[in-house]
Amino acid sequence: NSDGEKVSYMPGWYKDGDYWRYIQKN
C-alpha cells in the first residue's frame, strides 16, 4: 500500500460469481 506495507488483498476488478466488484487500494 501507500505506506509500503504488504496487504492481503489485490486492488482492482473482482468477479464474484455473476457480479463484478471493485477493490480499492485501501
PDB file of all heavy atoms in Angstrom:
ATOM      1  N   ASN A   1       0.812  -1.210   0.000  1.00  0.00           N
ATOM      2  CA  ASN A   1       0.000   0.000   0.000  1.00  0.00           C
ATOM      3  C   ASN A   1       0.851   1.269   0.000  1.00  0.00           C
ATOM      4  O   ASN A   1       2.071   1.218  -0.170  1.00  0.00           O
ATOM      5  CB  ASN A   1      -0.989  -0.020   1.170  1.00  0.00           C
ATOM      6  CG  ASN A   1      -0.296  -0.004   2.527  1.00  0.00           C
ATOM      7  OD1 ASN A   1       0.858   0.379   2.657  1.00  0.00           O
ATOM      8  ND2 ASN A   1      -1.011  -0.432   3.560  1.00  0.00           N
ATOM      9  N   SER A   2       0.202   2.404   0.216  1.00  0.00           N
ATOM     10  CA  SER A   2       0.899   3.689   0.136  1.00  0.00           C
ATOM     11  C   SER A   2       1.948   3.856   1.230  1.00  0.00           C
ATOM     12  O   SER A   2       2.832   4.706   1.116  1.00  0.00           O
ATOM     13  CB  SER A   2      -0.109   4.839   0.204  1.00  0.00           C
ATOM     14  OG  SER A   2      -0.859   4.779   1.415  1.00  0.00           O
ATOM     15  N   ASP A   3       1.867   3.052   2.288  1.00  0.00           N
ATOM     16  CA  ASP A   3       2.885   3.072   3.339  1.00  0.00           C
ATOM     17  C   ASP A   3       3.956   2.014   3.102  1.00  0.00           C
ATOM     18  O   ASP A   3       4.889   1.879   3.896  1.00  0.00           O
ATOM     19  CB  ASP A   3       2.249   2.837   4.713  1.00  0.00           C
ATOM     20  CG  ASP A   3       1.356   3.992   5.134  1.00  0.00           C
ATOM     21  OD1 ASP A   3       1.705   5.150   4.831  1.00  0.00           O
ATOM     22  OD2 ASP A   3       0.308   3.734   5.761  1.00  0.00           O
ATOM     23  N   GLY A   4       3.795   1.249   2.029  1.00  0.00           N
ATOM     24  CA  GLY A   4       4.749   0.196   1.716  1.00  0.00           C
ATOM     25  C   GLY A   4       4.468  -1.126   2.397  1.00  0.00           C
ATOM     26  O   GLY A   4       5.235  -2.074   2.253  1.00  0.00           O
ATOM     27  N   GLU A   5       3.350  -1.223   3.127  1.00  0.00           N
ATOM     28  CA  GLU A   5       3.037  -2.444   3.862  1.00  0.00           C
ATOM     29  C   GLU A   5       2.370  -3.480   2.949  1.00  0.00           C
ATOM     30  O   GLU A   5       1.488  -3.151   2.161  1.00  0.00           O
ATOM     31  CB  GLU A   5       2.099  -2.131   5.022  1.00  0.00           C
ATOM     32  CG  GLU A   5       2.686  -1.177   6.044  1.00  0.00           C
ATOM     33  CD  GLU A   5       1.656  -0.732   7.061  1.00  0.00           C
ATOM     34  OE1 GLU A   5       0.535  -1.286   7.046  1.00  0.00           O
ATOM     35  OE2 GLU A   5       1.953   0.169   7.863  1.00  0.00           O
ATOM     36  N   LYS A   6       2.794  -4.717   3.069  1.00  0.00           N
ATOM     37  CA  LYS A   6       2.162  -5.804   2.331  1.00  0.00           C
ATOM     38  C   LYS A   6       0.760  -6.030   2.891  1.00  0.00           C
ATOM     39  O   LYS A   6       0.562  -6.101   4.103  1.00  0.00           O
ATOM     40  CB  LYS A   6       2.982  -7.080   2.477  1.00  0.00           C
ATOM     41  CG  LYS A   6       2.384  -8.286   1.767  1.00  0.00           C
ATOM     42  CD  LYS A   6       3.234  -9.520   2.035  1.00  0.00           C
ATOM     43  CE  LYS A   6       2.610 -10.767   1.425  1.00  0.00           C
ATOM     44  NZ  LYS A   6       3.390 -11.984   1.735  1.00  0.00           N
ATOM     45  N   VAL A   7      -0.223  -6.139   2.003  1.00  0.00           N
ATOM     46  CA  VAL A   7      -1.599  -6.354   2.433  1.00  0.00           C
ATOM     47  C   VAL A   7      -2.118  -7.657   1.839  1.00  0.00           C
ATOM     48  O   VAL A   7      -1.491  -8.257   0.965  1.00  0.00           O
ATOM     49  CB  VAL A   7      -2.506  -5.171   2.003  1.00  0.00           C
ATOM     50  CG1 VAL A   7      -2.095  -3.895   2.726  1.00  0.00           C
ATOM     51  CG2 VAL A   7      -2.446  -4.969   0.502  1.00  0.00           C
ATOM     52  N   SER A   8      -3.271  -8.089   2.307  1.00  0.00           N
ATOM     53  CA  SER A   8      -3.794  -9.400   1.933  1.00  0.00           C
ATOM     54  C   SER A   8      -4.724  -9.355   0.733  1.00  0.00           C
ATOM     55  O   SER A   8      -5.293 -10.377   0.366  1.00  0.00           O
ATOM     56  CB  SER A   8      -4.537 -10.016   3.122  1.00  0.00           C
ATOM     57  OG  SER A   8      -5.626  -9.191   3.513  1.00  0.00           O
ATOM     58  N   TYR A   9      -4.892  -8.195   0.142  1.00  0.00           N
ATOM     59  CA  TYR A   9      -5.816  -8.075  -0.984  1.00  0.00           C
ATOM     60  C   TYR A   9      -5.093  -7.522  -2.209  1.00  0.00           C
ATOM     61  O   TYR A   9      -3.981  -6.998  -2.113  1.00  0.00           O
ATOM     62  CB  TYR A   9      -6.989  -7.166  -0.624  1.00  0.00           C
ATOM     63  CG  TYR A   9      -6.570  -5.787  -0.152  1.00  0.00           C
ATOM     64  CD1 TYR A   9      -6.312  -4.769  -1.057  1.00  0.00           C
ATOM     65  CD2 TYR A   9      -6.402  -5.517   1.199  1.00  0.00           C
ATOM     66  CE1 TYR A   9      -5.910  -3.510  -0.635  1.00  0.00           C
ATOM     67  CE2 TYR A   9      -5.993  -4.262   1.640  1.00  0.00           C
ATOM     68  CZ  TYR A   9      -5.755  -3.271   0.710  1.00  0.00           C
ATOM     69  OH  TYR A   9      -5.342  -2.026   1.136  1.00  0.00           O
ATOM     70  N   MET A  10      -5.733  -7.645  -3.365  1.00  0.00           N
ATOM     71  CA  MET A  10      -5.199  -7.111  -4.603  1.00  0.00           C
ATOM     72  C   MET A  10      -6.203  -6.109  -5.169  1.00  0.00           C
ATOM     73  O   MET A  10      -7.320  -6.474  -5.536  1.00  0.00           O
ATOM     74  CB  MET A  10      -4.970  -8.231  -5.614  1.00  0.00           C
ATOM     75  CG  MET A  10      -4.300  -7.762  -6.882  1.00  0.00           C
ATOM     76  SD  MET A  10      -2.584  -7.257  -6.628  1.00  0.00           S
ATOM     77  CE  MET A  10      -1.799  -8.823  -6.292  1.00  0.00           C
ATOM     78  N   PRO A  11      -5.866  -4.823  -5.212  1.00  0.00           N
ATOM     79  CA  PRO A  11      -6.811  -3.832  -5.725  1.00  0.00           C
ATOM     80  C   PRO A  11      -7.197  -4.120  -7.173  1.00  0.00           C
ATOM     81  O   PRO A  11      -6.409  -4.657  -7.950  1.00  0.00           O
ATOM     82  CB  PRO A  11      -6.031  -2.512  -5.631  1.00  0.00           C
ATOM     83  CG  PRO A  11      -4.970  -2.777  -4.617  1.00  0.00           C
ATOM     84  CD  PRO A  11      -4.605  -4.217  -4.796  1.00  0.00           C
ATOM     85  N   GLY A  12      -8.411  -3.757  -7.530  1.00  0.00           N
ATOM     86  CA  GLY A  12      -8.852  -3.896  -8.913  1.00  0.00           C
ATOM     87  C   GLY A  12     -10.199  -4.579  -9.032  1.00  0.00           C
ATOM     88  O   GLY A  12     -10.915  -4.794  -8.051  1.00  0.00           O
ATOM     89  N   TRP A  13     -10.544  -4.904 -10.265  1.00  0.00           N
ATOM     90  CA  TRP A  13     -11.802  -5.588 -10.548  1.00  0.00           C
ATOM     91  C   TRP A  13     -11.774  -7.002  -9.998  1.00  0.00           C
ATOM     92  O   TRP A  13     -10.746  -7.679 -10.047  1.00  0.00           O
ATOM     93  CB  TRP A  13     -12.032  -5.637 -12.052  1.00  0.00           C
ATOM     94  CG  TRP A  13     -12.350  -4.308 -12.665  1.00  0.00           C
ATOM     95  CD1 TRP A  13     -11.484  -3.462 -13.281  1.00  0.00           C
ATOM     96  CD2 TRP A  13     -13.633  -3.691 -12.721  1.00  0.00           C
ATOM     97  NE1 TRP A  13     -12.138  -2.343 -13.712  1.00  0.00           N
ATOM     98  CE2 TRP A  13     -13.471  -2.447 -13.399  1.00  0.00           C
ATOM     99  CE3 TRP A  13     -14.910  -4.045 -12.273  1.00  0.00           C
ATOM    100  CZ2 TRP A  13     -14.527  -1.579 -13.630  1.00  0.00           C
ATOM    101  CZ3 TRP A  13     -15.967  -3.177 -12.515  1.00  0.00           C
ATOM    102  CH2 TRP A  13     -15.768  -1.968 -13.183  1.00  0.00           C
ATOM    103  N   TYR A  14     -12.938  -7.427  -9.517  1.00  0.00           N
ATOM    104  CA  TYR A  14     -13.046  -8.775  -8.958  1.00  0.00           C
ATOM    105  C   TYR A  14     -14.388  -9.384  -9.350  1.00  0.00           C
ATOM    106  O   TYR A  14     -15.443  -8.796  -9.120  1.00  0.00           O
ATOM    107  CB  TYR A  14     -12.919  -8.729  -7.434  1.00  0.00           C
ATOM    108  CG  TYR A  14     -13.097 -10.090  -6.781  1.00  0.00           C
ATOM    109  CD1 TYR A  14     -12.132 -11.068  -6.939  1.00  0.00           C
ATOM    110  CD2 TYR A  14     -14.226 -10.375  -6.033  1.00  0.00           C
ATOM    111  CE1 TYR A  14     -12.291 -12.316  -6.368  1.00  0.00           C
ATOM    112  CE2 TYR A  14     -14.394 -11.619  -5.449  1.00  0.00           C
ATOM    113  CZ  TYR A  14     -13.418 -12.586  -5.616  1.00  0.00           C
ATOM    114  OH  TYR A  14     -13.588 -13.818  -5.047  1.00  0.00           O
ATOM    115  N   LYS A  15     -14.336 -10.564  -9.975  1.00  0.00           N
ATOM    116  CA  LYS A  15     -15.553 -11.264 -10.407  1.00  0.00           C
ATOM    117  C   LYS A  15     -16.020 -12.161  -9.271  1.00  0.00           C
ATOM    118  O   LYS A  15     -15.339 -13.101  -8.869  1.00  0.00           O
ATOM    119  CB  LYS A  15     -15.276 -12.096 -11.653  1.00  0.00           C
ATOM    120  CG  LYS A  15     -16.526 -12.693 -12.300  1.00  0.00           C
ATOM    121  CD  LYS A  15     -17.395 -11.611 -12.914  1.00  0.00           C
ATOM    122  CE  LYS A  15     -18.634 -12.186 -13.601  1.00  0.00           C
ATOM    123  NZ  LYS A  15     -18.283 -13.033 -14.770  1.00  0.00           N
ATOM    124  N   ASP A  16     -17.178 -11.848  -8.724  1.00  0.00           N
ATOM    125  CA  ASP A  16     -17.744 -12.603  -7.612  1.00  0.00           C
ATOM    126  C   ASP A  16     -19.005 -13.292  -8.102  1.00  0.00           C
ATOM    127  O   ASP A  16     -20.090 -12.732  -8.072  1.00  0.00           O
ATOM    128  CB  ASP A  16     -18.058 -11.651  -6.455  1.00  0.00           C
ATOM    129  CG  ASP A  16     -18.571 -12.381  -5.217  1.00  0.00           C
ATOM    130  OD1 ASP A  16     -18.425 -13.617  -5.165  1.00  0.00           O
ATOM    131  OD2 ASP A  16     -19.113 -11.715  -4.319  1.00  0.00           O
ATOM    132  N   GLY A  17     -18.837 -14.516  -8.591  1.00  0.00           N
ATOM    133  CA  GLY A  17     -19.973 -15.217  -9.170  1.00  0.00           C
ATOM    134  C   GLY A  17     -20.434 -14.514 -10.442  1.00  0.00           C
ATOM    135  O   GLY A  17     -19.676 -14.353 -11.394  1.00  0.00           O
ATOM    136  N   ASP A  18     -21.677 -14.072 -10.439  1.00  0.00           N
ATOM    137  CA  ASP A  18     -22.220 -13.366 -11.602  1.00  0.00           C
ATOM    138  C   ASP A  18     -22.039 -11.862 -11.506  1.00  0.00           C
ATOM    139  O   ASP A  18     -22.518 -11.126 -12.381  1.00  0.00           O
ATOM    140  CB  ASP A  18     -23.723 -13.679 -11.743  1.00  0.00           C
ATOM    141  CG  ASP A  18     -23.979 -15.149 -12.056  1.00  0.00           C
ATOM    142  OD1 ASP A  18     -23.100 -15.782 -12.683  1.00  0.00           O
ATOM    143  OD2 ASP A  18     -25.037 -15.662 -11.646  1.00  0.00           O
ATOM    144  N   TYR A  19     -21.386 -11.400 -10.458  1.00  0.00           N
ATOM    145  CA  TYR A  19     -21.289  -9.960 -10.219  1.00  0.00           C
ATOM    146  C   TYR A  19     -19.859  -9.466 -10.333  1.00  0.00           C
ATOM    147  O   TYR A  19     -18.909 -10.215 -10.142  1.00  0.00           O
ATOM    148  CB  TYR A  19     -21.817  -9.612  -8.822  1.00  0.00           C
ATOM    149  CG  TYR A  19     -23.219 -10.107  -8.561  1.00  0.00           C
ATOM    150  CD1 TYR A  19     -23.440 -11.189  -7.711  1.00  0.00           C
ATOM    151  CD2 TYR A  19     -24.324  -9.507  -9.172  1.00  0.00           C
ATOM    152  CE1 TYR A  19     -24.722 -11.655  -7.471  1.00  0.00           C
ATOM    153  CE2 TYR A  19     -25.601  -9.968  -8.937  1.00  0.00           C
ATOM    154  CZ  TYR A  19     -25.798 -11.046  -8.086  1.00  0.00           C
ATOM    155  OH  TYR A  19     -27.070 -11.500  -7.857  1.00  0.00           O
ATOM    156  N   TRP A  20     -19.770  -8.175 -10.618  1.00  0.00           N
ATOM    157  CA  TRP A  20     -18.474  -7.502 -10.594  1.00  0.00           C
ATOM    158  C   TRP A  20     -18.401  -6.573  -9.397  1.00  0.00           C
ATOM    159  O   TRP A  20     -19.342  -5.852  -9.092  1.00  0.00           O
ATOM    160  CB  TRP A  20     -18.260  -6.676 -11.869  1.00  0.00           C
ATOM    161  CG  TRP A  20     -17.851  -7.492 -13.055  1.00  0.00           C
ATOM    162  CD1 TRP A  20     -18.643  -7.919 -14.069  1.00  0.00           C
ATOM    163  CD2 TRP A  20     -16.544  -7.980 -13.332  1.00  0.00           C
ATOM    164  NE1 TRP A  20     -17.922  -8.651 -14.979  1.00  0.00           N
ATOM    165  CE2 TRP A  20     -16.617  -8.703 -14.546  1.00  0.00           C
ATOM    166  CE3 TRP A  20     -15.319  -7.882 -12.675  1.00  0.00           C
ATOM    167  CZ2 TRP A  20     -15.507  -9.314 -15.111  1.00  0.00           C
ATOM    168  CZ3 TRP A  20     -14.210  -8.499 -13.244  1.00  0.00           C
ATOM    169  CH2 TRP A  20     -14.309  -9.205 -14.449  1.00  0.00           C
ATOM    170  N   ARG A  21     -17.254  -6.601  -8.744  1.00  0.00           N
ATOM    171  CA  ARG A  21     -16.989  -5.684  -7.651  1.00  0.00           C
ATOM    172  C   ARG A  21     -15.644  -5.008  -7.930  1.00  0.00           C
ATOM    173  O   ARG A  21     -14.893  -5.423  -8.808  1.00  0.00           O
ATOM    174  CB  ARG A  21     -16.929  -6.417  -6.304  1.00  0.00           C
ATOM    175  CG  ARG A  21     -18.163  -7.255  -5.995  1.00  0.00           C
ATOM    176  CD  ARG A  21     -18.056  -7.840  -4.597  1.00  0.00           C
ATOM    177  NE  ARG A  21     -19.084  -8.823  -4.344  1.00  0.00           N
ATOM    178  CZ  ARG A  21     -20.320  -8.554  -3.961  1.00  0.00           C
ATOM    179  NH1 ARG A  21     -20.673  -7.279  -3.791  1.00  0.00           N
ATOM    180  NH2 ARG A  21     -21.207  -9.501  -3.746  1.00  0.00           N
ATOM    181  N   TYR A  22     -15.363  -3.973  -7.153  1.00  0.00           N
ATOM    182  CA  TYR A  22     -14.089  -3.283  -7.343  1.00  0.00           C
ATOM    183  C   TYR A  22     -13.445  -3.038  -5.985  1.00  0.00           C
ATOM    184  O   TYR A  22     -14.028  -2.392  -5.111  1.00  0.00           O
ATOM    185  CB  TYR A  22     -14.285  -1.942  -8.069  1.00  0.00           C
ATOM    186  CG  TYR A  22     -12.977  -1.341  -8.503  1.00  0.00           C
ATOM    187  CD1 TYR A  22     -12.419  -1.686  -9.722  1.00  0.00           C
ATOM    188  CD2 TYR A  22     -12.285  -0.465  -7.679  1.00  0.00           C
ATOM    189  CE1 TYR A  22     -11.202  -1.166 -10.112  1.00  0.00           C
ATOM    190  CE2 TYR A  22     -11.068   0.060  -8.058  1.00  0.00           C
ATOM    191  CZ  TYR A  22     -10.529  -0.287  -9.280  1.00  0.00           C
ATOM    192  OH  TYR A  22      -9.318   0.219  -9.660  1.00  0.00           O
ATOM    193  N   ILE A  23     -12.237  -3.593  -5.797  1.00  0.00           N
ATOM    194  CA  ILE A  23     -11.499  -3.428  -4.547  1.00  0.00           C
ATOM    195  C   ILE A  23     -10.584  -2.217  -4.677  1.00  0.00           C
ATOM    196  O   ILE A  23      -9.714  -2.166  -5.555  1.00  0.00           O
ATOM    197  CB  ILE A  23     -10.660  -4.671  -4.221  1.00  0.00           C
ATOM    198  CG1 ILE A  23     -11.557  -5.915  -4.161  1.00  0.00           C
ATOM    199  CG2 ILE A  23      -9.922  -4.492  -2.892  1.00  0.00           C
ATOM    200  CD1 ILE A  23     -10.783  -7.212  -4.006  1.00  0.00           C
ATOM    201  N   GLN A  24     -10.779  -1.243  -3.799  1.00  0.00           N
ATOM    202  CA  GLN A  24      -9.958  -0.045  -3.811  1.00  0.00           C
ATOM    203  C   GLN A  24      -8.614  -0.298  -3.135  1.00  0.00           C
ATOM    204  O   GLN A  24      -8.403  -1.328  -2.492  1.00  0.00           O
ATOM    205  CB  GLN A  24     -10.699   1.090  -3.105  1.00  0.00           C
ATOM    206  CG  GLN A  24     -12.053   1.402  -3.731  1.00  0.00           C
ATOM    207  CD  GLN A  24     -12.803   2.448  -2.943  1.00  0.00           C
ATOM    208  OE1 GLN A  24     -12.637   3.644  -3.155  1.00  0.00           O
ATOM    209  NE2 GLN A  24     -13.654   1.995  -2.024  1.00  0.00           N
ATOM    210  N   LYS A  25      -7.720   0.667  -3.264  1.00  0.00           N
ATOM    211  CA  LYS A  25      -6.380   0.483  -2.713  1.00  0.00           C
ATOM    212  C   LYS A  25      -6.360   0.422  -1.195  1.00  0.00           C
ATOM    213  O   LYS A  25      -5.416  -0.089  -0.606  1.00  0.00           O
ATOM    214  CB  LYS A  25      -5.466   1.610  -3.190  1.00  0.00           C
ATOM    215  CG  LYS A  25      -5.110   1.464  -4.652  1.00  0.00           C
ATOM    216  CD  LYS A  25      -4.020   2.433  -5.010  1.00  0.00           C
ATOM    217  CE  LYS A  25      -3.538   2.168  -6.416  1.00  0.00           C
ATOM    218  NZ  LYS A  25      -2.400   3.037  -6.763  1.00  0.00           N
ATOM    219  N   ASN A  26      -7.389   0.959  -0.566  1.00  0.00           N
ATOM    220  CA  ASN A  26      -7.445   0.890   0.901  1.00  0.00           C
ATOM    221  C   ASN A  26      -8.049  -0.425   1.390  1.00  0.00           C
ATOM    222  O   ASN A  26      -8.215  -0.632   2.587  1.00  0.00           O
ATOM    223  CB  ASN A  26      -8.230   2.069   1.467  1.00  0.00           C
ATOM    224  CG  ASN A  26      -9.663   2.125   0.951  1.00  0.00           C
ATOM    225  OD1 ASN A  26     -10.137   1.190   0.296  1.00  0.00           O
ATOM    226  ND2 ASN A  26     -10.359   3.209   1.230  1.00  0.00           N
TER     227      ASN A  26
END
